[in-house]
Amino acid sequence: MTTYLHDGAVFDLDGGFIDVVGVEWTWTGLYSDQGEPLLVGAGDPTPLPLPTVYHDHGPLIPLPKRLTSRLLRAAVSADFAASVGDGHTESYGDYALRTAGAGQ
């Protein structure tokens, strides 16, 4: 995780941000001459320093982390294991069919 401290707030540069009007901003991996991370907004390739983006377009809201397949498998496997532990004796496929609508 690459972080940057600005106005007392820690920004995770490896994620992304969304401003108050819905524009997504991502870090270019580069820094300005003053050591500020350079961000680009959707549709505009011109990099701007994070403090400038924060001032002109902020606050910047971190984008939700993307769910990894490993984490998803672990969560599903834990639920399946708990289901078996509760006495269900079905295949994983049958379990998936039985629980498909449970979260809706």
PDB file of N, CA and C in Angstrom:
ATOM      1  N   MET A   1       0.853  -1.168   0.000  1.00  0.00           N
ATOM      2  CA  MET A   1       0.000   0.000   0.000  1.00  0.00           C
ATOM      3  C   MET A   1       0.900   1.233   0.000  1.00  0.00           C
ATOM      4  N   THR A   2       0.674   2.113  -0.938  1.00  0.00           N
ATOM      5  CA  THR A   2       1.400   3.379  -1.015  1.00  0.00           C
ATOM      6  C   THR A   2       0.484   4.466  -0.478  1.00  0.00           C
ATOM      7  N   THR A   3       0.950   5.173   0.549  1.00  0.00           N
ATOM      8  CA  THR A   3       0.099   6.176   1.179  1.00  0.00           C
ATOM      9  C   THR A   3       0.696   7.568   1.050  1.00  0.00           C
ATOM     10  N   TYR A   4      -0.166   8.547   1.218  1.00  0.00           N
ATOM     11  CA  TYR A   4       0.233   9.957   1.200  1.00  0.00           C
ATOM     12  C   TYR A   4      -0.604  10.681   2.248  1.00  0.00           C
ATOM     13  N   LEU A   5       0.053  11.485   3.075  1.00  0.00           N
ATOM     14  CA  LEU A   5      -0.634  12.240   4.121  1.00  0.00           C
ATOM     15  C   LEU A   5      -0.884  13.662   3.640  1.00  0.00           C
ATOM     16  N   HIS A   6      -2.154  14.076   3.655  1.00  0.00           N
ATOM     17  CA  HIS A   6      -2.521  15.434   3.245  1.00  0.00           C
ATOM     18  C   HIS A   6      -3.583  15.963   4.195  1.00  0.00           C
ATOM     19  N   ASP A   7      -3.328  17.095   4.796  1.00  0.00           N
ATOM     20  CA  ASP A   7      -4.268  17.732   5.731  1.00  0.00           C
ATOM     21  C   ASP A   7      -4.746  16.775   6.821  1.00  0.00           C
ATOM     22  N   GLY A   8      -3.850  15.929   7.296  1.00  0.00           N
ATOM     23  CA  GLY A   8      -4.184  14.998   8.370  1.00  0.00           C
ATOM     24  C   GLY A   8      -4.895  13.739   7.924  1.00  0.00           C
ATOM     25  N   ALA A   9      -5.171  13.610   6.636  1.00  0.00           N
ATOM     26  CA  ALA A   9      -5.844  12.418   6.108  1.00  0.00           C
ATOM     27  C   ALA A   9      -4.838  11.571   5.339  1.00  0.00           C
ATOM     28  N   VAL A  10      -4.902  10.260   5.557  1.00  0.00           N
ATOM     29  CA  VAL A  10      -4.027   9.330   4.844  1.00  0.00           C
ATOM     30  C   VAL A  10      -4.768   8.829   3.605  1.00  0.00           C
ATOM     31  N   PHE A  11      -4.139   8.985   2.453  1.00  0.00           N
ATOM     32  CA  PHE A  11      -4.706   8.534   1.183  1.00  0.00           C
ATOM     33  C   PHE A  11      -3.969   7.283   0.724  1.00  0.00           C
ATOM     34  N   ASP A  12      -4.705   6.223   0.419  1.00  0.00           N
ATOM     35  CA  ASP A  12      -4.136   5.008  -0.156  1.00  0.00           C
ATOM     36  C   ASP A  12      -4.082   5.217  -1.667  1.00  0.00           C
ATOM     37  N   LEU A  13      -2.894   5.461  -2.168  1.00  0.00           N
ATOM     38  CA  LEU A  13      -2.745   5.795  -3.587  1.00  0.00           C
ATOM     39  C   LEU A  13      -2.963   4.598  -4.502  1.00  0.00           C
ATOM     40  N   ASP A  14      -2.882   3.392  -3.960  1.00  0.00           N
ATOM     41  CA  ASP A  14      -3.049   2.202  -4.788  1.00  0.00           C
ATOM     42  C   ASP A  14      -4.509   1.952  -5.155  1.00  0.00           C
ATOM     43  N   GLY A  15      -5.421   2.562  -4.419  1.00  0.00           N
ATOM     44  CA  GLY A  15      -6.841   2.425  -4.748  1.00  0.00           C
ATOM     45  C   GLY A  15      -7.190   3.446  -5.808  1.00  0.00           C
ATOM     46  N   GLY A  16      -8.218   4.102  -5.628  1.00  0.00           N
ATOM     47  CA  GLY A  16      -8.637   5.180  -6.504  1.00  0.00           C
ATOM     48  C   GLY A  16      -9.580   6.042  -5.707  1.00  0.00           C
ATOM     49  N   PHE A  17      -9.991   7.134  -6.277  1.00  0.00           N
ATOM     50  CA  PHE A  17     -10.855   8.066  -5.560  1.00  0.00           C
ATOM     51  C   PHE A  17     -11.968   8.536  -6.478  1.00  0.00           C
ATOM     52  N   ILE A  18     -13.028   8.980  -5.861  1.00  0.00           N
ATOM     53  CA  ILE A  18     -14.113   9.590  -6.614  1.00  0.00           C
ATOM     54  C   ILE A  18     -14.380  10.947  -5.969  1.00  0.00           C
ATOM     55  N   ASP A  19     -14.566  11.963  -6.812  1.00  0.00           N
ATOM     56  CA  ASP A  19     -14.814  13.298  -6.248  1.00  0.00           C
ATOM     57  C   ASP A  19     -16.316  13.508  -6.055  1.00  0.00           C
ATOM     58  N   VAL A  20     -16.682  14.691  -5.618  1.00  0.00           N
ATOM     59  CA  VAL A  20     -18.083  14.943  -5.259  1.00  0.00           C
ATOM     60  C   VAL A  20     -19.047  14.936  -6.442  1.00  0.00           C
ATOM     61  N   VAL A  21     -18.533  15.063  -7.660  1.00  0.00           N
ATOM     62  CA  VAL A  21     -19.426  15.013  -8.825  1.00  0.00           C
ATOM     63  C   VAL A  21     -19.340  13.678  -9.559  1.00  0.00           C
ATOM     64  N   GLY A  22     -18.571  12.719  -9.013  1.00  0.00           N
ATOM     65  CA  GLY A  22     -18.531  11.380  -9.585  1.00  0.00           C
ATOM     66  C   GLY A  22     -17.366  11.076 -10.497  1.00  0.00           C
ATOM     67  N   VAL A  23     -16.411  11.982 -10.626  1.00  0.00           N
ATOM     68  CA  VAL A  23     -15.242  11.717 -11.468  1.00  0.00           C
ATOM     69  C   VAL A  23     -14.269  10.830 -10.695  1.00  0.00           C
ATOM     70  N   GLU A  24     -13.795   9.765 -11.348  1.00  0.00           N
ATOM     71  CA  GLU A  24     -12.812   8.883 -10.727  1.00  0.00           C
ATOM     72  C   GLU A  24     -11.408   9.409 -10.984  1.00  0.00           C
ATOM     73  N   TRP A  25     -10.588   9.376  -9.944  1.00  0.00           N
ATOM     74  CA  TRP A  25      -9.204   9.823 -10.007  1.00  0.00           C
ATOM     75  C   TRP A  25      -8.295   8.667  -9.625  1.00  0.00           C
ATOM     76  N   THR A  26      -7.221   8.492 -10.401  1.00  0.00           N
ATOM     77  CA  THR A  26      -6.251   7.446 -10.097  1.00  0.00           C
ATOM     78  C   THR A  26      -4.847   8.030 -10.083  1.00  0.00           C
ATOM     79  N   TRP A  27      -4.005   7.415  -9.294  1.00  0.00           N
ATOM     80  CA  TRP A  27      -2.615   7.842  -9.182  1.00  0.00           C
ATOM     81  C   TRP A  27      -1.838   7.350 -10.393  1.00  0.00           C
ATOM     82  N   THR A  28      -1.003   8.214 -10.936  1.00  0.00           N
ATOM     83  CA  THR A  28      -0.193   7.857 -12.103  1.00  0.00           C
ATOM     84  C   THR A  28       1.037   7.051 -11.724  1.00  0.00           C
ATOM     85  N   GLY A  29       1.365   7.016 -10.441  1.00  0.00           N
ATOM     86  CA  GLY A  29       2.604   6.379  -9.996  1.00  0.00           C
ATOM     87  C   GLY A  29       3.753   7.366  -9.938  1.00  0.00           C
ATOM     88  N   LEU A  30       3.478   8.610 -10.302  1.00  0.00           N
ATOM     89  CA  LEU A  30       4.500   9.658 -10.337  1.00  0.00           C
ATOM     90  C   LEU A  30       4.207  10.719  -9.290  1.00  0.00           C
ATOM     91  N   TYR A  31       5.243  11.516  -9.000  1.00  0.00           N
ATOM     92  CA  TYR A  31       5.129  12.614  -8.040  1.00  0.00           C
ATOM     93  C   TYR A  31       5.528  13.923  -8.705  1.00  0.00           C
ATOM     94  N   SER A  32       4.977  15.016  -8.200  1.00  0.00           N
ATOM     95  CA  SER A  32       5.366  16.347  -8.675  1.00  0.00           C
ATOM     96  C   SER A  32       6.753  16.675  -8.131  1.00  0.00           C
ATOM     97  N   ASP A  33       7.317  17.781  -8.579  1.00  0.00           N
ATOM     98  CA  ASP A  33       8.619  18.223  -8.076  1.00  0.00           C
ATOM     99  C   ASP A  33       8.575  18.501  -6.574  1.00  0.00           C
ATOM    100  N   GLN A  34       7.382  18.774  -6.042  1.00  0.00           N
ATOM    101  CA  GLN A  34       7.215  19.039  -4.613  1.00  0.00           C
ATOM    102  C   GLN A  34       6.934  17.757  -3.818  1.00  0.00           C
ATOM    103  N   GLY A  35       6.956  16.613  -4.493  1.00  0.00           N
ATOM    104  CA  GLY A  35       6.721  15.334  -3.824  1.00  0.00           C
ATOM    105  C   GLY A  35       5.259  14.970  -3.650  1.00  0.00           C
ATOM    106  N   GLU A  36       4.381  15.650  -4.380  1.00  0.00           N
ATOM    107  CA  GLU A  36       2.947  15.371  -4.285  1.00  0.00           C
ATOM    108  C   GLU A  36       2.554  14.342  -5.347  1.00  0.00           C
ATOM    109  N   PRO A  37       1.739  13.343  -4.985  1.00  0.00           N
ATOM    110  CA  PRO A  37       1.314  12.354  -5.971  1.00  0.00           C
ATOM    111  C   PRO A  37       0.488  13.005  -7.078  1.00  0.00           C
ATOM    112  N   LEU A  38       0.720  12.564  -8.298  1.00  0.00           N
ATOM    113  CA  LEU A  38      -0.008  13.095  -9.450  1.00  0.00           C
ATOM    114  C   LEU A  38      -1.173  12.170  -9.792  1.00  0.00           C
ATOM    115  N   LEU A  39      -2.356  12.749  -9.886  1.00  0.00           N
ATOM    116  CA  LEU A  39      -3.573  12.004 -10.204  1.00  0.00           C
ATOM    117  C   LEU A  39      -4.099  12.415 -11.568  1.00  0.00           C
ATOM    118  N   VAL A  40      -4.777  11.476 -12.224  1.00  0.00           N
ATOM    119  CA  VAL A  40      -5.486  11.805 -13.463  1.00  0.00           C
ATOM    120  C   VAL A  40      -6.961  11.471 -13.257  1.00  0.00           C
ATOM    121  N   GLY A  41      -7.803  12.331 -13.805  1.00  0.00           N
ATOM    122  CA  GLY A  41      -9.244  12.121 -13.734  1.00  0.00           C
ATOM    123  C   GLY A  41      -9.739  11.467 -15.000  1.00  0.00           C
ATOM    124  N   ALA A  42     -10.860  10.781 -14.895  1.00  0.00           N
ATOM    125  CA  ALA A  42     -11.443  10.122 -16.058  1.00  0.00           C
ATOM    126  C   ALA A  42     -11.702  11.141 -17.159  1.00  0.00           C
ATOM    127  N   GLY A  43     -11.214  10.845 -18.349  1.00  0.00           N
ATOM    128  CA  GLY A  43     -11.460  11.712 -19.492  1.00  0.00           C
ATOM    129  C   GLY A  43     -10.461  12.841 -19.668  1.00  0.00           C
ATOM    130  N   ASP A  44      -9.568  13.051 -18.719  1.00  0.00           N
ATOM    131  CA  ASP A  44      -8.568  14.119 -18.832  1.00  0.00           C
ATOM    132  C   ASP A  44      -7.198  13.552 -18.492  1.00  0.00           C
ATOM    133  N   PRO A  45      -6.313  13.451 -19.483  1.00  0.00           N
ATOM    134  CA  PRO A  45      -5.006  12.839 -19.244  1.00  0.00           C
ATOM    135  C   PRO A  45      -4.001  13.740 -18.518  1.00  0.00           C
ATOM    136  N   THR A  46      -4.371  14.979 -18.228  1.00  0.00           N
ATOM    137  CA  THR A  46      -3.442  15.902 -17.581  1.00  0.00           C
ATOM    138  C   THR A  46      -3.323  15.569 -16.096  1.00  0.00           C
ATOM    139  N   PRO A  47      -2.122  15.170 -15.630  1.00  0.00           N
ATOM    140  CA  PRO A  47      -1.970  14.859 -14.208  1.00  0.00           C
ATOM    141  C   PRO A  47      -1.977  16.113 -13.344  1.00  0.00           C
ATOM    142  N   LEU A  48      -2.638  16.005 -12.194  1.00  0.00           N
ATOM    143  CA  LEU A  48      -2.704  17.099 -11.227  1.00  0.00           C
ATOM    144  C   LEU A  48      -2.235  16.586  -9.869  1.00  0.00           C
ATOM    145  N   PRO A  49      -1.572  17.435  -9.083  1.00  0.00           N
ATOM    146  CA  PRO A  49      -1.167  17.018  -7.739  1.00  0.00           C
ATOM    147  C   PRO A  49      -2.390  16.741  -6.860  1.00  0.00           C
ATOM    148  N   LEU A  50      -2.275  15.749  -5.999  1.00  0.00           N
ATOM    149  CA  LEU A  50      -3.388  15.389  -5.128  1.00  0.00           C
ATOM    150  C   LEU A  50      -3.922  16.575  -4.338  1.00  0.00           C
ATOM    151  N   PRO A  51      -3.070  17.430  -3.738  1.00  0.00           N
ATOM    152  CA  PRO A  51      -3.629  18.577  -3.010  1.00  0.00           C
ATOM    153  C   PRO A  51      -4.480  19.499  -3.891  1.00  0.00           C
ATOM    154  N   THR A  52      -4.110  19.646  -5.151  1.00  0.00           N
ATOM    155  CA  THR A  52      -4.896  20.474  -6.072  1.00  0.00           C
ATOM    156  C   THR A  52      -6.246  19.822  -6.356  1.00  0.00           C
ATOM    157  N   VAL A  53      -6.219  18.520  -6.619  1.00  0.00           N
ATOM    158  CA  VAL A  53      -7.470  17.794  -6.873  1.00  0.00           C
ATOM    159  C   VAL A  53      -8.361  17.865  -5.638  1.00  0.00           C
ATOM    160  N   TYR A  54      -7.767  17.678  -4.477  1.00  0.00           N
ATOM    161  CA  TYR A  54      -8.525  17.727  -3.221  1.00  0.00           C
ATOM    162  C   TYR A  54      -9.160  19.102  -3.020  1.00  0.00           C
ATOM    163  N   HIS A  55      -8.403  20.133  -3.298  1.00  0.00           N
ATOM    164  CA  HIS A  55      -8.903  21.502  -3.120  1.00  0.00           C
ATOM    165  C   HIS A  55      -9.994  21.850  -4.134  1.00  0.00           C
ATOM    166  N   ASP A  56      -9.747  21.513  -5.393  1.00  0.00           N
ATOM    167  CA  ASP A  56     -10.663  21.914  -6.470  1.00  0.00           C
ATOM    168  C   ASP A  56     -11.857  20.977  -6.660  1.00  0.00           C
ATOM    169  N   HIS A  57     -11.696  19.699  -6.317  1.00  0.00           N
ATOM    170  CA  HIS A  57     -12.736  18.705  -6.626  1.00  0.00           C
ATOM    171  C   HIS A  57     -13.179  17.893  -5.414  1.00  0.00           C
ATOM    172  N   GLY A  58     -12.549  18.093  -4.272  1.00  0.00           N
ATOM    173  CA  GLY A  58     -12.760  17.250  -3.102  1.00  0.00           C
ATOM    174  C   GLY A  58     -14.036  17.547  -2.353  1.00  0.00           C
ATOM    175  N   PRO A  59     -14.267  16.778  -1.335  1.00  0.00           N
ATOM    176  CA  PRO A  59     -13.345  15.777  -0.823  1.00  0.00           C
ATOM    177  C   PRO A  59     -13.249  14.575  -1.756  1.00  0.00           C
ATOM    178  N   LEU A  60     -12.166  13.844  -1.602  1.00  0.00           N
ATOM    179  CA  LEU A  60     -11.950  12.639  -2.399  1.00  0.00           C
ATOM    180  C   LEU A  60     -12.348  11.430  -1.565  1.00  0.00           C
ATOM    181  N   ILE A  61     -13.204  10.626  -2.121  1.00  0.00           N
ATOM    182  CA  ILE A  61     -13.738   9.455  -1.436  1.00  0.00           C
ATOM    183  C   ILE A  61     -13.047   8.222  -2.009  1.00  0.00           C
ATOM    184  N   PRO A  62     -12.457   7.379  -1.154  1.00  0.00           N
ATOM    185  CA  PRO A  62     -11.807   6.173  -1.679  1.00  0.00           C
ATOM    186  C   PRO A  62     -12.819   5.276  -2.385  1.00  0.00           C
ATOM    187  N   LEU A  63     -12.400   4.743  -3.526  1.00  0.00           N
ATOM    188  CA  LEU A  63     -13.237   3.768  -4.219  1.00  0.00           C
ATOM    189  C   LEU A  63     -13.239   2.476  -3.417  1.00  0.00           C
ATOM    190  N   PRO A  64     -14.332   1.735  -3.443  1.00  0.00           N
ATOM    191  CA  PRO A  64     -14.346   0.448  -2.738  1.00  0.00           C
ATOM    192  C   PRO A  64     -13.289  -0.482  -3.317  1.00  0.00           C
ATOM    193  N   LYS A  65     -12.703  -1.279  -2.447  1.00  0.00           N
ATOM    194  CA  LYS A  65     -11.719  -2.263  -2.898  1.00  0.00           C
ATOM    195  C   LYS A  65     -12.430  -3.331  -3.712  1.00  0.00           C
ATOM    196  N   ARG A  66     -11.783  -3.759  -4.761  1.00  0.00           N
ATOM    197  CA  ARG A  66     -12.336  -4.820  -5.590  1.00  0.00           C
ATOM    198  C   ARG A  66     -12.206  -6.150  -4.834  1.00  0.00           C
ATOM    199  N   LEU A  67     -13.228  -6.977  -4.906  1.00  0.00           N
ATOM    200  CA  LEU A  67     -13.219  -8.273  -4.264  1.00  0.00           C
ATOM    201  C   LEU A  67     -12.339  -9.214  -5.070  1.00  0.00           C
ATOM    202  N   THR A  68     -11.354  -9.829  -4.429  1.00  0.00           N
ATOM    203  CA  THR A  68     -10.482 -10.765  -5.131  1.00  0.00           C
ATOM    204  C   THR A  68     -11.146 -12.136  -5.182  1.00  0.00           C
ATOM    205  N   SER A  69     -10.785 -12.928  -6.173  1.00  0.00           N
ATOM    206  CA  SER A  69     -11.358 -14.265  -6.291  1.00  0.00           C
ATOM    207  C   SER A  69     -10.951 -15.126  -5.100  1.00  0.00           C
ATOM    208  N   ARG A  70      -9.753 -14.914  -4.567  1.00  0.00           N
ATOM    209  CA  ARG A  70      -9.300 -15.688  -3.409  1.00  0.00           C
ATOM    210  C   ARG A  70     -10.174 -15.394  -2.184  1.00  0.00           C
ATOM    211  N   LEU A  71     -10.471 -14.125  -1.953  1.00  0.00           N
ATOM    212  CA  LEU A  71     -11.315 -13.751  -0.822  1.00  0.00           C
ATOM    213  C   LEU A  71     -12.734 -14.285  -1.005  1.00  0.00           C
ATOM    214  N   LEU A  72     -13.248 -14.211  -2.215  1.00  0.00           N
ATOM    215  CA  LEU A  72     -14.586 -14.726  -2.492  1.00  0.00           C
ATOM    216  C   LEU A  72     -14.654 -16.228  -2.242  1.00  0.00           C
ATOM    217  N   ARG A  73     -13.656 -16.970  -2.735  1.00  0.00           N
ATOM    218  CA  ARG A  73     -13.623 -18.417  -2.511  1.00  0.00           C
ATOM    219  C   ARG A  73     -13.557 -18.734  -1.023  1.00  0.00           C
ATOM    220  N   ALA A  74     -12.749 -17.972  -0.287  1.00  0.00           N
ATOM    221  CA  ALA A  74     -12.621 -18.211   1.152  1.00  0.00           C
ATOM    222  C   ALA A  74     -13.952 -17.977   1.858  1.00  0.00           C
ATOM    223  N   ALA A  75     -14.654 -16.920   1.476  1.00  0.00           N
ATOM    224  CA  ALA A  75     -15.943 -16.617   2.101  1.00  0.00           C
ATOM    225  C   ALA A  75     -16.980 -17.679   1.763  1.00  0.00           C
ATOM    226  N   VAL A  76     -17.038 -18.069   0.501  1.00  0.00           N
ATOM    227  CA  VAL A  76     -18.001 -19.082   0.083  1.00  0.00           C
ATOM    228  C   VAL A  76     -17.658 -20.415   0.722  1.00  0.00           C
ATOM    229  N   SER A  77     -16.377 -20.754   0.760  1.00  0.00           N
ATOM    230  CA  SER A  77     -15.969 -22.016   1.363  1.00  0.00           C
ATOM    231  C   SER A  77     -16.312 -22.049   2.845  1.00  0.00           C
ATOM    232  N   ALA A  78     -16.140 -20.924   3.540  1.00  0.00           N
ATOM    233  CA  ALA A  78     -16.476 -20.867   4.966  1.00  0.00           C
ATOM    234  C   ALA A  78     -17.975 -21.066   5.169  1.00  0.00           C
ATOM    235  N   ASP A  79     -18.791 -20.439   4.326  1.00  0.00           N
ATOM    236  CA  ASP A  79     -20.242 -20.619   4.423  1.00  0.00           C
ATOM    237  C   ASP A  79     -20.632 -22.067   4.129  1.00  0.00           C
ATOM    238  N   PHE A  80     -19.991 -22.661   3.125  1.00  0.00           N
ATOM    239  CA  PHE A  80     -20.287 -24.047   2.777  1.00  0.00           C
ATOM    240  C   PHE A  80     -19.885 -24.971   3.918  1.00  0.00           C
ATOM    241  N   ALA A  81     -18.715 -24.737   4.500  1.00  0.00           N
ATOM    242  CA  ALA A  81     -18.254 -25.555   5.625  1.00  0.00           C
ATOM    243  C   ALA A  81     -19.217 -25.423   6.804  1.00  0.00           C
ATOM    244  N   ALA A  82     -19.702 -24.223   7.069  1.00  0.00           N
ATOM    245  CA  ALA A  82     -20.662 -24.019   8.156  1.00  0.00           C
ATOM    246  C   ALA A  82     -21.970 -24.748   7.860  1.00  0.00           C
ATOM    247  N   SER A  83     -22.378 -24.744   6.603  1.00  0.00           N
ATOM    248  CA  SER A  83     -23.607 -25.432   6.211  1.00  0.00           C
ATOM    249  C   SER A  83     -23.468 -26.934   6.440  1.00  0.00           C
ATOM    250  N   VAL A  84     -22.341 -27.493   6.066  1.00  0.00           N
ATOM    251  CA  VAL A  84     -22.086 -28.916   6.305  1.00  0.00           C
ATOM    252  C   VAL A  84     -22.049 -29.182   7.805  1.00  0.00           C
ATOM    253  N   GLY A  85     -21.418 -28.273   8.550  1.00  0.00           N
ATOM    254  CA  GLY A  85     -21.362 -28.403  10.001  1.00  0.00           C
ATOM    255  C   GLY A  85     -22.738 -28.363  10.648  1.00  0.00           C
ATOM    256  N   ASP A  86     -23.679 -27.693  10.000  1.00  0.00           N
ATOM    257  CA  ASP A  86     -25.053 -27.615  10.508  1.00  0.00           C
ATOM    258  C   ASP A  86     -25.875 -28.852  10.157  1.00  0.00           C
ATOM    259  N   GLY A  87     -25.253 -29.804   9.450  1.00  0.00           N
ATOM    260  CA  GLY A  87     -25.945 -31.046   9.151  1.00  0.00           C
ATOM    261  C   GLY A  87     -26.399 -31.219   7.718  1.00  0.00           C
ATOM    262  N   HIS A  88     -26.197 -30.228   6.876  1.00  0.00           N
ATOM    263  CA  HIS A  88     -26.560 -30.389   5.465  1.00  0.00           C
ATOM    264  C   HIS A  88     -25.544 -31.315   4.804  1.00  0.00           C
ATOM    265  N   THR A  89     -26.027 -32.281   4.036  1.00  0.00           N
ATOM    266  CA  THR A  89     -25.142 -33.247   3.384  1.00  0.00           C
ATOM    267  C   THR A  89     -25.344 -33.189   1.883  1.00  0.00           C
ATOM    268  N   GLU A  90     -25.074 -32.052   1.320  1.00  0.00           N
ATOM    269  CA  GLU A  90     -25.285 -31.850  -0.106  1.00  0.00           C
ATOM    270  C   GLU A  90     -23.960 -31.515  -0.784  1.00  0.00           C
ATOM    271  N   SER A  91     -23.965 -31.631  -2.088  1.00  0.00           N
ATOM    272  CA  SER A  91     -22.772 -31.243  -2.843  1.00  0.00           C
ATOM    273  C   SER A  91     -22.654 -29.722  -2.845  1.00  0.00           C
ATOM    274  N   TYR A  92     -21.488 -29.239  -3.209  1.00  0.00           N
ATOM    275  CA  TYR A  92     -21.314 -27.795  -3.280  1.00  0.00           C
ATOM    276  C   TYR A  92     -22.275 -27.188  -4.308  1.00  0.00           C
ATOM    277  N   GLY A  93     -22.490 -27.872  -5.422  1.00  0.00           N
ATOM    278  CA  GLY A  93     -23.420 -27.382  -6.447  1.00  0.00           C
ATOM    279  C   GLY A  93     -24.842 -27.262  -5.916  1.00  0.00           C
ATOM    280  N   ASP A  94     -25.286 -28.291  -5.168  1.00  0.00           N
ATOM    281  CA  ASP A  94     -26.626 -28.232  -4.569  1.00  0.00           C
ATOM    282  C   ASP A  94     -26.708 -27.124  -3.525  1.00  0.00           C
ATOM    283  N   TYR A  95     -25.633 -26.955  -2.750  1.00  0.00           N
ATOM    284  CA  TYR A  95     -25.580 -25.873  -1.760  1.00  0.00           C
ATOM    285  C   TYR A  95     -25.729 -24.518  -2.457  1.00  0.00           C
ATOM    286  N   ALA A  96     -25.003 -24.335  -3.564  1.00  0.00           N
ATOM    287  CA  ALA A  96     -25.059 -23.067  -4.298  1.00  0.00           C
ATOM    288  C   ALA A  96     -26.473 -22.801  -4.808  1.00  0.00           C
ATOM    289  N   LEU A  97     -27.137 -23.836  -5.310  1.00  0.00           N
ATOM    290  CA  LEU A  97     -28.516 -23.673  -5.787  1.00  0.00           C
ATOM    291  C   LEU A  97     -29.465 -23.343  -4.635  1.00  0.00           C
ATOM    292  N   ARG A  98     -29.287 -24.019  -3.496  1.00  0.00           N
ATOM    293  CA  ARG A  98     -30.180 -23.809  -2.352  1.00  0.00           C
ATOM    294  C   ARG A  98     -30.035 -22.405  -1.776  1.00  0.00           C
ATOM    295  N   THR A  99     -28.828 -21.871  -1.799  1.00  0.00           N
ATOM    296  CA  THR A  99     -28.580 -20.583  -1.145  1.00  0.00           C
ATOM    297  C   THR A  99     -28.510 -19.415  -2.120  1.00  0.00           C
ATOM    298  N   ALA A 100     -28.752 -19.651  -3.396  1.00  0.00           N
ATOM    299  CA  ALA A 100     -28.591 -18.601  -4.413  1.00  0.00           C
ATOM    300  C   ALA A 100     -29.443 -17.376  -4.121  1.00  0.00           C
ATOM    301  N   GLY A 101     -30.648 -17.535  -3.670  1.00  0.00           N
ATOM    302  CA  GLY A 101     -31.524 -16.393  -3.422  1.00  0.00           C
ATOM    303  C   GLY A 101     -31.509 -15.905  -1.983  1.00  0.00           C
ATOM    304  N   ALA A 102     -30.693 -16.522  -1.138  1.00  0.00           N
ATOM    305  CA  ALA A 102     -30.713 -16.190   0.291  1.00  0.00           C
ATOM    306  C   ALA A 102     -30.266 -14.771   0.583  1.00  0.00           C
ATOM    307  N   GLY A 103     -29.356 -14.232  -0.211  1.00  0.00           N
ATOM    308  CA  GLY A 103     -28.840 -12.895   0.061  1.00  0.00           C
ATOM    309  C   GLY A 103     -29.648 -11.780  -0.565  1.00  0.00           C
ATOM    310  N   GLN A 104     -30.743 -12.114  -1.205  1.00  0.00           N
ATOM    311  CA  GLN A 104     -31.513 -11.086  -1.915  1.00  0.00           C
ATOM    312  C   GLN A 104     -32.645 -10.561  -1.096  1.00  0.00           C
TER     313      GLN A 104
END
